[in-house]
Amino acid sequence: MDSRQLTYFVALAETNNFTRAAEKLYIAQPALSMTIKKLEQQLGLCLFSRNERKVELTDEGKVLFLHAKAIIQKINDAQTAMAELRGLEKGEVRVGIPSMLGSYFFPEIIMGFKSQYPHLKLSIVEAGTQSIRKMIIDGELDFGVIINHDLPDSLHPEPLLKSQMVAVVSENHEFSKYKSLSFADFFNQELVMFKHGYFHRETIDSICEKYHFTPNISFETNLLAMIFKIVRQDFAITTLLEMVTEYEPKLVPIPFEQPILLDIVMAWRKTGYLSLADQAFIDYVKQHCCQQ
């Protein structure tokens, strides 16, 4: 069993299709089929169940998949480390950022970092907390910005900032003059919310579960511009990070009577390798936060 066999095995396990896996690997399909067959013969186990449309991992295959993913990630980390010892920087930072922070907190940081390190490439993925966590664990991202809640033991959190979630209404809404808002009043209104998987929605869902509220969600969207328009035109109200409302006209932020404070961190795999480029970006973000 070698790294090439494991790479082919993981590609097939992730695509469930020989043709798509071969295309992903840039090899001929017969070569992939032969490699998988040889791997199964070496192990004396059937790793995939096959039918006309797709292949699926057997129970034995699922066990190997967990180990194979970890081994391949370790090999990639080792290659990056050795390249840097030869003076060949990785040259790319892969980071996951939620949409609200990506739109209102990180643009200045990203442009400043790029000005300081013009030869490094920034690959930014906008996604929800759950997706970012998974992509970090799977090695698809070097690190990401997430909420420090139910963090897997495999991830290391680095404090980034604390921010308050507030109710947000239009200037004409009856709540616009309120100094604070109860959860009961908020959940009695029609709401526009992010979809499941985003910390915005996770926070609301956890409050509902804790206090036994049933939210009246009229709209679900991850598009900030659409959320703003729906709220401004009084079709619904929402919750956002307080920092967002500082930049958006005709929106009124209202703190909750029971404040919602979020602990936002940068996180990466404890056993993962941070390249020089990754570490430079993390240090730059930390320096920027200290100046706020």
C-alpha atoms as a PDB file:
ATOM      1  CA  MET A   1       0.000   0.000   0.000  1.00  0.00           C
ATOM      2  CA  ASP A   2       1.561   3.296  -1.113  1.00  0.00           C
ATOM      3  CA  SER A   3       0.557   6.954  -1.180  1.00  0.00           C
ATOM      4  CA  ARG A   4      -0.486   6.793  -4.835  1.00  0.00           C
ATOM      5  CA  GLN A   5      -2.906   3.966  -4.123  1.00  0.00           C
ATOM      6  CA  LEU A   6      -4.334   5.869  -1.165  1.00  0.00           C
ATOM      7  CA  THR A   7      -4.726   9.036  -3.251  1.00  0.00           C
ATOM      8  CA  TYR A   8      -6.649   7.112  -5.921  1.00  0.00           C
ATOM      9  CA  PHE A   9      -8.721   5.373  -3.245  1.00  0.00           C
ATOM     10  CA  VAL A  10      -9.715   8.678  -1.586  1.00  0.00           C
ATOM     11  CA  ALA A  11     -10.622  10.277  -4.931  1.00  0.00           C
ATOM     12  CA  LEU A  12     -12.932   7.372  -5.766  1.00  0.00           C
ATOM     13  CA  ALA A  13     -14.454   7.389  -2.278  1.00  0.00           C
ATOM     14  CA  GLU A  14     -15.223  11.110  -2.557  1.00  0.00           C
ATOM     15  CA  THR A  15     -16.735  10.972  -6.059  1.00  0.00           C
ATOM     16  CA  ASN A  16     -18.418   7.523  -5.941  1.00  0.00           C
ATOM     17  CA  ASN A  17     -17.744   7.260  -9.656  1.00  0.00           C
ATOM     18  CA  PHE A  18     -14.743   5.851 -11.569  1.00  0.00           C
ATOM     19  CA  THR A  19     -15.079   8.308 -14.464  1.00  0.00           C
ATOM     20  CA  ARG A  20     -15.259  11.420 -12.265  1.00  0.00           C
ATOM     21  CA  ALA A  21     -12.444  10.174 -10.023  1.00  0.00           C
ATOM     22  CA  ALA A  22     -10.204   9.511 -13.027  1.00  0.00           C
ATOM     23  CA  GLU A  23     -10.904  13.014 -14.367  1.00  0.00           C
ATOM     24  CA  LYS A  24     -10.097  14.508 -10.975  1.00  0.00           C
ATOM     25  CA  LEU A  25      -6.796  12.605 -10.896  1.00  0.00           C
ATOM     26  CA  TYR A  26      -5.988  13.327 -14.573  1.00  0.00           C
ATOM     27  CA  ILE A  27      -5.507   9.625 -15.313  1.00  0.00           C
ATOM     28  CA  ALA A  28      -7.204   7.036 -17.527  1.00  0.00           C
ATOM     29  CA  GLN A  29     -10.117   5.166 -15.984  1.00  0.00           C
ATOM     30  CA  PRO A  30      -8.587   1.698 -16.591  1.00  0.00           C
ATOM     31  CA  ALA A  31      -5.478   2.765 -14.635  1.00  0.00           C
ATOM     32  CA  LEU A  32      -7.685   3.787 -11.705  1.00  0.00           C
ATOM     33  CA  SER A  33      -9.659   0.533 -11.838  1.00  0.00           C
ATOM     34  CA  MET A  34      -6.484  -1.539 -11.854  1.00  0.00           C
ATOM     35  CA  THR A  35      -4.989   0.382  -8.921  1.00  0.00           C
ATOM     36  CA  ILE A  36      -8.118  -0.045  -6.792  1.00  0.00           C
ATOM     37  CA  LYS A  37      -8.332  -3.746  -7.669  1.00  0.00           C
ATOM     38  CA  LYS A  38      -4.665  -4.245  -6.741  1.00  0.00           C
ATOM     39  CA  LEU A  39      -5.182  -2.416  -3.424  1.00  0.00           C
ATOM     40  CA  GLU A  40      -8.138  -4.643  -2.564  1.00  0.00           C
ATOM     41  CA  GLN A  41      -6.090  -7.739  -3.439  1.00  0.00           C
ATOM     42  CA  GLN A  42      -3.189  -6.598  -1.273  1.00  0.00           C
ATOM     43  CA  LEU A  43      -5.479  -5.990   1.697  1.00  0.00           C
ATOM     44  CA  GLY A  44      -7.643  -9.035   1.085  1.00  0.00           C
ATOM     45  CA  LEU A  45     -10.705  -6.856   1.539  1.00  0.00           C
ATOM     46  CA  CYS A  46     -13.499  -5.460  -0.628  1.00  0.00           C
ATOM     47  CA  LEU A  47     -13.330  -1.684  -0.256  1.00  0.00           C
ATOM     48  CA  PHE A  48     -16.167  -0.705  -2.616  1.00  0.00           C
ATOM     49  CA  SER A  49     -19.568  -2.103  -3.510  1.00  0.00           C
ATOM     50  CA  ARG A  50     -20.163  -1.584  -7.212  1.00  0.00           C
ATOM     51  CA  ASN A  51     -23.278  -1.168  -9.348  1.00  0.00           C
ATOM     52  CA  GLU A  52     -23.982   0.282 -12.793  1.00  0.00           C
ATOM     53  CA  ARG A  53     -24.322   3.907 -11.673  1.00  0.00           C
ATOM     54  CA  LYS A  54     -21.891   4.385  -8.795  1.00  0.00           C
ATOM     55  CA  VAL A  55     -19.585   2.781  -6.284  1.00  0.00           C
ATOM     56  CA  GLU A  56     -19.911   3.093  -2.521  1.00  0.00           C
ATOM     57  CA  LEU A  57     -17.553   2.382   0.356  1.00  0.00           C
ATOM     58  CA  THR A  58     -18.049  -0.882   2.211  1.00  0.00           C
ATOM     59  CA  ASP A  59     -17.704  -0.895   6.001  1.00  0.00           C
ATOM     60  CA  GLU A  60     -14.067  -1.928   5.538  1.00  0.00           C
ATOM     61  CA  GLY A  61     -13.585   0.876   3.021  1.00  0.00           C
ATOM     62  CA  LYS A  62     -14.985   3.450   5.446  1.00  0.00           C
ATOM     63  CA  VAL A  63     -12.364   2.473   8.031  1.00  0.00           C
ATOM     64  CA  LEU A  64      -9.537   2.799   5.496  1.00  0.00           C
ATOM     65  CA  PHE A  65     -10.930   6.134   4.250  1.00  0.00           C
ATOM     66  CA  LEU A  66     -10.422   7.788   7.663  1.00  0.00           C
ATOM     67  CA  HIS A  67      -6.800   6.639   7.821  1.00  0.00           C
ATOM     68  CA  ALA A  68      -6.087   7.411   4.164  1.00  0.00           C
ATOM     69  CA  LYS A  69      -7.295  11.016   4.476  1.00  0.00           C
ATOM     70  CA  ALA A  70      -5.040  11.584   7.497  1.00  0.00           C
ATOM     71  CA  ILE A  71      -2.020   9.969   5.800  1.00  0.00           C
ATOM     72  CA  ILE A  72      -2.400  12.025   2.604  1.00  0.00           C
ATOM     73  CA  GLN A  73      -2.737  15.238   4.612  1.00  0.00           C
ATOM     74  CA  LYS A  74       0.442  14.388   6.533  1.00  0.00           C
ATOM     75  CA  ILE A  75       2.301  13.773   3.270  1.00  0.00           C
ATOM     76  CA  ASN A  76       1.097  17.131   1.885  1.00  0.00           C
ATOM     77  CA  ASP A  77       2.192  18.873   5.089  1.00  0.00           C
ATOM     78  CA  ALA A  78       5.624  17.233   4.870  1.00  0.00           C
ATOM     79  CA  GLN A  79       6.032  18.293   1.225  1.00  0.00           C
ATOM     80  CA  THR A  80       5.178  21.882   2.130  1.00  0.00           C
ATOM     81  CA  ALA A  81       7.628  21.887   5.028  1.00  0.00           C
ATOM     82  CA  MET A  82      10.443  20.486   2.875  1.00  0.00           C
ATOM     83  CA  ALA A  83       9.730  22.986   0.097  1.00  0.00           C
ATOM     84  CA  GLU A  84      10.056  25.843   2.565  1.00  0.00           C
ATOM     85  CA  LEU A  85      13.385  24.494   3.820  1.00  0.00           C
ATOM     86  CA  ARG A  86      14.592  24.800   0.218  1.00  0.00           C
ATOM     87  CA  GLY A  87      13.446  28.400   0.207  1.00  0.00           C
ATOM     88  CA  LEU A  88      10.316  27.697  -1.863  1.00  0.00           C
ATOM     89  CA  GLU A  89       7.469  29.272   0.076  1.00  0.00           C
ATOM     90  CA  LYS A  90       4.056  27.719  -0.326  1.00  0.00           C
ATOM     91  CA  GLY A  91       2.839  31.036  -1.631  1.00  0.00           C
ATOM     92  CA  GLU A  92      -0.849  30.473  -0.857  1.00  0.00           C
ATOM     93  CA  VAL A  93      -3.135  31.046   2.106  1.00  0.00           C
ATOM     94  CA  ARG A  94      -6.425  29.113   2.120  1.00  0.00           C
ATOM     95  CA  VAL A  95      -8.848  30.586   4.639  1.00  0.00           C
ATOM     96  CA  GLY A  96     -12.574  30.219   5.298  1.00  0.00           C
ATOM     97  CA  ILE A  97     -14.525  33.280   6.414  1.00  0.00           C
ATOM     98  CA  PRO A  98     -18.264  33.713   7.177  1.00  0.00           C
ATOM     99  CA  SER A  99     -20.044  36.239   4.969  1.00  0.00           C
ATOM    100  CA  MET A 100     -20.661  38.963   7.566  1.00  0.00           C
ATOM    101  CA  LEU A 101     -17.023  39.037   8.684  1.00  0.00           C
ATOM    102  CA  GLY A 102     -15.850  38.630   5.106  1.00  0.00           C
ATOM    103  CA  SER A 103     -17.818  41.692   4.057  1.00  0.00           C
ATOM    104  CA  TYR A 104     -17.195  44.023   6.997  1.00  0.00           C
ATOM    105  CA  PHE A 105     -14.145  42.976   9.007  1.00  0.00           C
ATOM    106  CA  PHE A 106     -11.679  41.329   6.654  1.00  0.00           C
ATOM    107  CA  PRO A 107     -11.517  43.445   3.447  1.00  0.00           C
ATOM    108  CA  GLU A 108      -9.119  45.978   4.983  1.00  0.00           C
ATOM    109  CA  ILE A 109      -7.022  43.179   6.486  1.00  0.00           C
ATOM    110  CA  ILE A 110      -6.849  41.263   3.216  1.00  0.00           C
ATOM    111  CA  MET A 111      -5.849  44.318   1.175  1.00  0.00           C
ATOM    112  CA  GLY A 112      -3.251  45.332   3.762  1.00  0.00           C
ATOM    113  CA  PHE A 113      -1.775  41.838   3.839  1.00  0.00           C
ATOM    114  CA  LYS A 114      -1.647  41.662   0.055  1.00  0.00           C
ATOM    115  CA  SER A 115       0.159  45.008  -0.065  1.00  0.00           C
ATOM    116  CA  GLN A 116       2.758  43.716   2.386  1.00  0.00           C
ATOM    117  CA  TYR A 117       3.105  40.296   0.720  1.00  0.00           C
ATOM    118  CA  PRO A 118       2.313  40.894  -2.979  1.00  0.00           C
ATOM    119  CA  HIS A 119       3.611  37.497  -4.141  1.00  0.00           C
ATOM    120  CA  LEU A 120       1.404  35.414  -1.889  1.00  0.00           C
ATOM    121  CA  LYS A 121      -1.937  34.142  -3.140  1.00  0.00           C
ATOM    122  CA  LEU A 122      -5.049  34.429  -0.958  1.00  0.00           C
ATOM    123  CA  SER A 123      -7.765  31.847  -1.554  1.00  0.00           C
ATOM    124  CA  ILE A 124     -10.829  32.875   0.438  1.00  0.00           C
ATOM    125  CA  VAL A 125     -13.825  30.604   0.868  1.00  0.00           C
ATOM    126  CA  GLU A 126     -17.098  32.126   2.084  1.00  0.00           C
ATOM    127  CA  ALA A 127     -19.079  29.557   4.045  1.00  0.00           C
ATOM    128  CA  GLY A 128     -20.887  28.867   7.288  1.00  0.00           C
ATOM    129  CA  THR A 129     -19.204  27.788  10.511  1.00  0.00           C
ATOM    130  CA  GLN A 130     -20.109  24.114  10.092  1.00  0.00           C
ATOM    131  CA  SER A 131     -18.719  23.956   6.555  1.00  0.00           C
ATOM    132  CA  ILE A 132     -15.545  25.828   7.495  1.00  0.00           C
ATOM    133  CA  ARG A 133     -14.923  23.479  10.440  1.00  0.00           C
ATOM    134  CA  LYS A 134     -15.248  20.458   8.181  1.00  0.00           C
ATOM    135  CA  MET A 135     -13.016  21.904   5.461  1.00  0.00           C
ATOM    136  CA  ILE A 136     -10.274  22.653   8.002  1.00  0.00           C
ATOM    137  CA  ILE A 137     -10.435  19.114   9.409  1.00  0.00           C
ATOM    138  CA  ASP A 138     -10.411  17.634   5.886  1.00  0.00           C
ATOM    139  CA  GLY A 139      -7.394  19.741   4.922  1.00  0.00           C
ATOM    140  CA  GLU A 140      -9.269  21.736   2.284  1.00  0.00           C
ATOM    141  CA  LEU A 141      -8.514  24.951   4.211  1.00  0.00           C
ATOM    142  CA  ASP A 142      -5.380  25.900   6.146  1.00  0.00           C
ATOM    143  CA  PHE A 143      -7.490  27.651   8.765  1.00  0.00           C
ATOM    144  CA  GLY A 144     -10.775  29.480   9.155  1.00  0.00           C
ATOM    145  CA  VAL A 145     -12.749  32.007  11.140  1.00  0.00           C
ATOM    146  CA  ILE A 146     -15.434  30.362  13.251  1.00  0.00           C
ATOM    147  CA  ILE A 147     -17.371  30.674  16.484  1.00  0.00           C
ATOM    148  CA  ASN A 148     -15.621  29.187  19.525  1.00  0.00           C
ATOM    149  CA  HIS A 149     -18.494  26.834  20.322  1.00  0.00           C
ATOM    150  CA  ASP A 150     -18.516  23.026  20.239  1.00  0.00           C
ATOM    151  CA  LEU A 151     -15.037  23.157  18.759  1.00  0.00           C
ATOM    152  CA  PRO A 152     -13.643  19.696  17.866  1.00  0.00           C
ATOM    153  CA  ASP A 153     -10.615  18.600  19.907  1.00  0.00           C
ATOM    154  CA  SER A 154      -8.637  18.360  16.672  1.00  0.00           C
ATOM    155  CA  LEU A 155      -8.745  22.149  16.144  1.00  0.00           C
ATOM    156  CA  HIS A 156      -6.701  24.869  17.834  1.00  0.00           C
ATOM    157  CA  PRO A 157      -8.565  28.166  18.452  1.00  0.00           C
ATOM    158  CA  GLU A 158      -6.767  31.513  18.368  1.00  0.00           C
ATOM    159  CA  PRO A 159      -8.844  34.407  19.846  1.00  0.00           C
ATOM    160  CA  LEU A 160      -9.801  36.959  17.208  1.00  0.00           C
ATOM    161  CA  LEU A 161     -12.594  39.201  18.480  1.00  0.00           C
ATOM    162  CA  LYS A 162     -15.758  39.316  20.540  1.00  0.00           C
ATOM    163  CA  SER A 163     -18.854  40.805  18.929  1.00  0.00           C
ATOM    164  CA  GLN A 164     -22.461  41.303  19.876  1.00  0.00           C
ATOM    165  CA  MET A 165     -25.428  39.996  17.922  1.00  0.00           C
ATOM    166  CA  VAL A 166     -28.238  42.558  17.827  1.00  0.00           C
ATOM    167  CA  ALA A 167     -31.763  42.686  16.487  1.00  0.00           C
ATOM    168  CA  VAL A 168     -31.997  44.763  13.286  1.00  0.00           C
ATOM    169  CA  VAL A 169     -35.108  46.598  12.078  1.00  0.00           C
ATOM    170  CA  SER A 170     -35.948  49.354   9.620  1.00  0.00           C
ATOM    171  CA  GLU A 171     -36.161  53.014  10.615  1.00  0.00           C
ATOM    172  CA  ASN A 172     -39.961  52.819  10.326  1.00  0.00           C
ATOM    173  CA  HIS A 173     -40.439  49.704  12.420  1.00  0.00           C
ATOM    174  CA  GLU A 174     -42.264  49.991  15.747  1.00  0.00           C
ATOM    175  CA  PHE A 175     -39.175  48.619  17.524  1.00  0.00           C
ATOM    176  CA  SER A 176     -36.839  51.279  16.085  1.00  0.00           C
ATOM    177  CA  LYS A 177     -37.163  53.476  19.193  1.00  0.00           C
ATOM    178  CA  TYR A 178     -36.546  50.622  21.641  1.00  0.00           C
ATOM    179  CA  LYS A 179     -33.374  50.714  23.730  1.00  0.00           C
ATOM    180  CA  SER A 180     -33.386  46.940  24.041  1.00  0.00           C
ATOM    181  CA  LEU A 181     -35.530  44.040  22.905  1.00  0.00           C
ATOM    182  CA  SER A 182     -36.747  40.876  24.592  1.00  0.00           C
ATOM    183  CA  PHE A 183     -36.434  37.511  22.911  1.00  0.00           C
ATOM    184  CA  ALA A 184     -40.214  37.120  23.126  1.00  0.00           C
ATOM    185  CA  ASP A 185     -40.835  40.347  21.173  1.00  0.00           C
ATOM    186  CA  PHE A 186     -38.206  39.417  18.617  1.00  0.00           C
ATOM    187  CA  PHE A 187     -39.551  35.934  17.924  1.00  0.00           C
ATOM    188  CA  ASN A 188     -43.112  37.213  17.583  1.00  0.00           C
ATOM    189  CA  GLN A 189     -42.031  39.062  14.434  1.00  0.00           C
ATOM    190  CA  GLU A 190     -41.576  37.752  10.912  1.00  0.00           C
ATOM    191  CA  LEU A 191     -37.875  36.992  10.482  1.00  0.00           C
ATOM    192  CA  VAL A 192     -35.338  36.803   7.678  1.00  0.00           C
ATOM    193  CA  MET A 193     -32.509  34.429   8.622  1.00  0.00           C
ATOM    194  CA  PHE A 194     -29.399  32.845   7.247  1.00  0.00           C
ATOM    195  CA  LYS A 195     -29.725  29.176   6.336  1.00  0.00           C
ATOM    196  CA  HIS A 196     -28.609  26.378   8.643  1.00  0.00           C
ATOM    197  CA  GLY A 197     -24.862  25.998   9.049  1.00  0.00           C
ATOM    198  CA  TYR A 198     -24.058  29.693   9.620  1.00  0.00           C
ATOM    199  CA  PHE A 199     -23.245  30.978  13.109  1.00  0.00           C
ATOM    200  CA  HIS A 200     -25.993  33.595  12.708  1.00  0.00           C
ATOM    201  CA  ARG A 201     -28.568  30.813  12.402  1.00  0.00           C
ATOM    202  CA  GLU A 202     -26.896  28.498  14.927  1.00  0.00           C
ATOM    203  CA  THR A 203     -27.099  31.261  17.534  1.00  0.00           C
ATOM    204  CA  ILE A 204     -30.809  31.828  16.941  1.00  0.00           C
ATOM    205  CA  ASP A 205     -31.560  28.110  16.920  1.00  0.00           C
ATOM    206  CA  SER A 206     -29.755  27.603  20.235  1.00  0.00           C
ATOM    207  CA  ILE A 207     -31.747  30.453  21.855  1.00  0.00           C
ATOM    208  CA  CYS A 208     -34.994  28.982  20.588  1.00  0.00           C
ATOM    209  CA  GLU A 209     -34.076  25.583  21.960  1.00  0.00           C
ATOM    210  CA  LYS A 210     -33.013  26.994  25.335  1.00  0.00           C
ATOM    211  CA  TYR A 211     -36.074  29.211  25.859  1.00  0.00           C
ATOM    212  CA  HIS A 212     -38.623  27.143  23.896  1.00  0.00           C
ATOM    213  CA  PHE A 213     -39.369  29.713  21.208  1.00  0.00           C
ATOM    214  CA  THR A 214     -40.678  28.859  17.755  1.00  0.00           C
ATOM    215  CA  PRO A 215     -39.207  31.366  15.278  1.00  0.00           C
ATOM    216  CA  ASN A 216     -41.480  32.784  12.591  1.00  0.00           C
ATOM    217  CA  ILE A 217     -38.992  32.567   9.701  1.00  0.00           C
ATOM    218  CA  SER A 218     -40.488  34.024   6.525  1.00  0.00           C
ATOM    219  CA  PHE A 219     -37.264  34.228   4.505  1.00  0.00           C
ATOM    220  CA  GLU A 220     -34.076  32.160   4.422  1.00  0.00           C
ATOM    221  CA  THR A 221     -31.078  33.455   2.481  1.00  0.00           C
ATOM    222  CA  ASN A 222     -27.307  33.760   2.831  1.00  0.00           C
ATOM    223  CA  LEU A 223     -27.272  36.890   0.653  1.00  0.00           C
ATOM    224  CA  LEU A 224     -26.584  39.906   2.861  1.00  0.00           C
ATOM    225  CA  ALA A 225     -27.826  42.394   0.257  1.00  0.00           C
ATOM    226  CA  MET A 226     -31.183  40.613   0.140  1.00  0.00           C
ATOM    227  CA  ILE A 227     -31.434  40.532   3.940  1.00  0.00           C
ATOM    228  CA  PHE A 228     -30.794  44.279   4.074  1.00  0.00           C
ATOM    229  CA  LYS A 229     -33.468  45.010   1.469  1.00  0.00           C
ATOM    230  CA  ILE A 230     -36.077  42.814   3.157  1.00  0.00           C
ATOM    231  CA  VAL A 231     -35.474  44.529   6.500  1.00  0.00           C
ATOM    232  CA  ARG A 232     -35.380  48.061   5.072  1.00  0.00           C
ATOM    233  CA  GLN A 233     -38.733  47.485   3.368  1.00  0.00           C
ATOM    234  CA  ASP A 234     -40.276  46.132   6.588  1.00  0.00           C
ATOM    235  CA  PHE A 235     -41.022  42.643   5.304  1.00  0.00           C
ATOM    236  CA  ALA A 236     -39.149  41.137   8.246  1.00  0.00           C
ATOM    237  CA  ILE A 237     -36.531  41.805  10.911  1.00  0.00           C
ATOM    238  CA  THR A 238     -33.273  39.949  11.583  1.00  0.00           C
ATOM    239  CA  THR A 239     -30.159  39.676  13.748  1.00  0.00           C
ATOM    240  CA  LEU A 240     -26.678  40.701  12.654  1.00  0.00           C
ATOM    241  CA  LEU A 241     -23.295  41.413  14.157  1.00  0.00           C
ATOM    242  CA  GLU A 242     -23.357  44.930  15.577  1.00  0.00           C
ATOM    243  CA  MET A 243     -20.345  45.918  13.438  1.00  0.00           C
ATOM    244  CA  VAL A 244     -22.396  45.317  10.263  1.00  0.00           C
ATOM    245  CA  THR A 245     -25.000  47.932  11.162  1.00  0.00           C
ATOM    246  CA  GLU A 246     -22.341  50.634  11.466  1.00  0.00           C
ATOM    247  CA  TYR A 247     -21.927  50.615   7.683  1.00  0.00           C
ATOM    248  CA  GLU A 248     -25.517  50.125   6.535  1.00  0.00           C
ATOM    249  CA  PRO A 249     -27.904  53.121   6.401  1.00  0.00           C
ATOM    250  CA  LYS A 250     -31.592  52.927   7.347  1.00  0.00           C
ATOM    251  CA  LEU A 251     -31.055  49.926   9.603  1.00  0.00           C
ATOM    252  CA  VAL A 252     -31.529  50.238  13.359  1.00  0.00           C
ATOM    253  CA  PRO A 253     -29.592  47.904  15.700  1.00  0.00           C
ATOM    254  CA  ILE A 254     -31.241  47.013  19.005  1.00  0.00           C
ATOM    255  CA  PRO A 255     -29.370  45.082  21.717  1.00  0.00           C
ATOM    256  CA  PHE A 256     -31.221  42.189  23.287  1.00  0.00           C
ATOM    257  CA  GLU A 257     -32.188  42.440  26.963  1.00  0.00           C
ATOM    258  CA  GLN A 258     -30.055  39.332  27.412  1.00  0.00           C
ATOM    259  CA  PRO A 259     -26.924  40.253  25.421  1.00  0.00           C
ATOM    260  CA  ILE A 260     -25.682  37.780  22.821  1.00  0.00           C
ATOM    261  CA  LEU A 261     -21.883  37.932  22.804  1.00  0.00           C
ATOM    262  CA  LEU A 262     -20.009  35.786  20.309  1.00  0.00           C
ATOM    263  CA  ASP A 263     -16.433  34.579  20.764  1.00  0.00           C
ATOM    264  CA  ILE A 264     -14.911  34.527  17.278  1.00  0.00           C
ATOM    265  CA  VAL A 265     -11.628  32.695  16.687  1.00  0.00           C
ATOM    266  CA  MET A 266      -9.257  31.625  13.960  1.00  0.00           C
ATOM    267  CA  ALA A 267      -8.858  27.856  14.037  1.00  0.00           C
ATOM    268  CA  TRP A 268      -6.555  25.305  12.441  1.00  0.00           C
ATOM    269  CA  ARG A 269      -5.708  21.627  12.841  1.00  0.00           C
ATOM    270  CA  LYS A 270      -3.569  20.913  15.896  1.00  0.00           C
ATOM    271  CA  THR A 271      -1.662  18.257  13.950  1.00  0.00           C
ATOM    272  CA  GLY A 272      -1.567  20.266  10.727  1.00  0.00           C
ATOM    273  CA  TYR A 273       1.343  22.198   9.278  1.00  0.00           C
ATOM    274  CA  LEU A 274       1.154  25.975   9.027  1.00  0.00           C
ATOM    275  CA  SER A 275       3.262  27.268   6.168  1.00  0.00           C
ATOM    276  CA  LEU A 276       5.261  30.470   6.395  1.00  0.00           C
ATOM    277  CA  ALA A 277       2.522  32.134   4.345  1.00  0.00           C
ATOM    278  CA  ASP A 278      -0.179  30.893   6.752  1.00  0.00           C
ATOM    279  CA  GLN A 279       1.755  32.073   9.801  1.00  0.00           C
ATOM    280  CA  ALA A 280       2.391  35.468   8.195  1.00  0.00           C
ATOM    281  CA  PHE A 281      -1.344  35.930   7.612  1.00  0.00           C
ATOM    282  CA  ILE A 282      -2.251  34.853  11.165  1.00  0.00           C
ATOM    283  CA  ASP A 283       0.333  37.243  12.619  1.00  0.00           C
ATOM    284  CA  TYR A 284      -0.934  40.070  10.416  1.00  0.00           C
ATOM    285  CA  VAL A 285      -4.547  39.513  11.512  1.00  0.00           C
ATOM    286  CA  LYS A 286      -3.544  39.399  15.193  1.00  0.00           C
ATOM    287  CA  GLN A 287      -1.564  42.622  14.800  1.00  0.00           C
ATOM    288  CA  HIS A 288      -4.532  44.304  13.109  1.00  0.00           C
ATOM    289  CA  CYS A 289      -6.879  43.214  15.913  1.00  0.00           C
ATOM    290  CA  CYS A 290      -4.512  44.574  18.578  1.00  0.00           C
ATOM    291  CA  GLN A 291      -4.681  47.992  16.896  1.00  0.00           C
ATOM    292  CA  GLN A 292      -8.501  48.121  17.017  1.00  0.00           C
END
